[in-house]
Amino acid sequence: MQTPTITNMTSSRGNKVPNQFIIWTDEGCYFQSYQTVIAFRDNEGNVTLDENRWDYSVTTGKYRNKFLGLNKRETEQDIKYGHIKLTNLNR
């Protein structure tokens, strides 16, 4: 088991964004906003969002979209059709 690697997300100007993180683990990668896990993408590409916080704020949404490569409408459609799962990622 490798130690998780944590990096700040970057802005459109290439600057590190405080409080927005990507965490790589053996199982896949997480998007964390402040101290809250928002999304997880496993090594097979399956995405899970936190059921309570995936749409928490405009800033979280902006970086969630960047992490997923989807806009909010596309994310909502993928949730509706079961392509993205919702669960509590912050237990």
Protein backbone atom coordinates (compact mmCIF):
# COMPACT_ATOMS: atom_id res chain seq x y z
CA MET A 1 0.00 0.00 0.00
CA GLN A 2 1.36 3.36 -1.04
CA THR A 3 1.05 6.56 0.96
CA PRO A 4 -1.68 8.80 -0.49
CA THR A 5 -0.45 11.69 -2.63
CA ILE A 6 -2.17 15.03 -2.11
CA THR A 7 -1.98 18.03 -4.46
CA ASN A 8 -3.82 21.30 -4.70
CA MET A 9 -6.06 21.78 -7.69
CA THR A 10 -4.98 24.52 -10.06
CA SER A 11 -6.85 27.57 -11.29
CA SER A 12 -7.38 28.43 -14.95
CA ARG A 13 -4.24 30.58 -14.61
CA GLY A 14 -2.22 27.62 -13.35
CA ASN A 15 -2.02 28.74 -9.73
CA LYS A 16 -2.52 26.37 -6.80
CA VAL A 17 -6.00 26.77 -5.32
CA PRO A 18 -6.08 26.72 -1.53
CA ASN A 19 -8.51 24.27 0.11
CA GLN A 20 -9.26 22.29 -3.10
CA PHE A 21 -7.36 18.99 -3.22
CA ILE A 22 -6.91 15.85 -5.29
CA ILE A 23 -5.89 12.82 -3.22
CA TRP A 24 -4.51 9.76 -5.04
CA THR A 25 -4.71 6.39 -3.28
CA ASP A 26 -4.26 2.78 -4.33
CA GLU A 27 -8.05 2.54 -4.83
CA GLY A 28 -8.47 5.69 -6.97
CA CYS A 29 -8.60 9.45 -6.44
CA TYR A 30 -10.66 11.78 -4.31
CA PHE A 31 -11.66 15.42 -4.67
CA GLN A 32 -11.71 17.19 -1.32
CA SER A 33 -12.96 20.74 -0.71
CA TYR A 34 -11.68 22.12 2.58
CA GLN A 35 -12.09 19.17 5.01
CA THR A 36 -14.94 17.52 3.08
CA VAL A 37 -14.64 14.71 0.54
CA ILE A 38 -16.88 15.60 -2.41
CA ALA A 39 -16.11 12.92 -5.00
CA PHE A 40 -14.28 9.66 -5.55
CA ARG A 41 -13.25 8.09 -8.87
CA ASP A 42 -12.05 4.50 -8.58
CA ASN A 43 -9.36 2.95 -10.77
CA GLU A 44 -12.02 1.65 -13.19
CA GLY A 45 -13.46 5.16 -13.68
CA ASN A 46 -16.59 4.69 -11.55
CA VAL A 47 -17.61 7.92 -9.82
CA THR A 48 -19.26 8.36 -6.44
CA LEU A 49 -20.33 11.72 -5.03
CA ASP A 50 -21.07 12.62 -1.44
CA GLU A 51 -24.86 12.61 -1.18
CA ASN A 52 -24.93 15.61 1.17
CA ARG A 53 -22.14 17.82 -0.12
CA TRP A 54 -21.66 17.24 -3.85
CA ASP A 55 -23.44 20.55 -4.62
CA TYR A 56 -22.36 22.45 -1.51
CA SER A 57 -21.26 25.81 -2.97
CA VAL A 58 -20.36 27.60 -6.18
CA THR A 59 -16.63 27.18 -5.54
CA THR A 60 -16.97 23.50 -4.67
CA GLY A 61 -19.07 23.04 -7.81
CA LYS A 62 -16.48 24.74 -9.99
CA TYR A 63 -13.71 22.39 -8.87
CA ARG A 64 -16.00 19.34 -8.76
CA ASN A 65 -16.79 20.04 -12.42
CA LYS A 66 -13.09 20.28 -13.19
CA PHE A 67 -12.39 17.00 -11.34
CA LEU A 68 -15.21 15.16 -13.14
CA GLY A 69 -14.83 16.82 -16.53
CA LEU A 70 -18.59 17.51 -16.46
CA ASN A 71 -20.79 20.52 -15.88
CA LYS A 72 -23.53 20.52 -13.22
CA ARG A 73 -26.32 19.58 -15.65
CA GLU A 74 -24.30 16.63 -16.98
CA THR A 75 -23.54 15.54 -13.42
CA GLU A 76 -27.24 15.67 -12.50
CA GLN A 77 -28.10 13.58 -15.58
CA ASP A 78 -25.43 11.00 -14.71
CA ILE A 79 -26.85 10.78 -11.17
CA LYS A 80 -30.39 10.39 -12.53
CA TYR A 81 -29.40 7.57 -14.89
CA GLY A 82 -27.20 5.79 -12.34
CA HIS A 83 -23.83 6.49 -13.95
CA ILE A 84 -22.76 8.37 -10.84
CA LYS A 85 -23.59 6.97 -7.41
CA LEU A 86 -24.41 8.98 -4.29
CA THR A 87 -23.30 7.92 -0.81
CA ASN A 88 -21.91 9.40 2.38
CA LEU A 89 -18.18 9.82 1.73
CA ASN A 90 -17.60 11.62 5.04
CA ARG A 91 -18.39 9.04 7.70
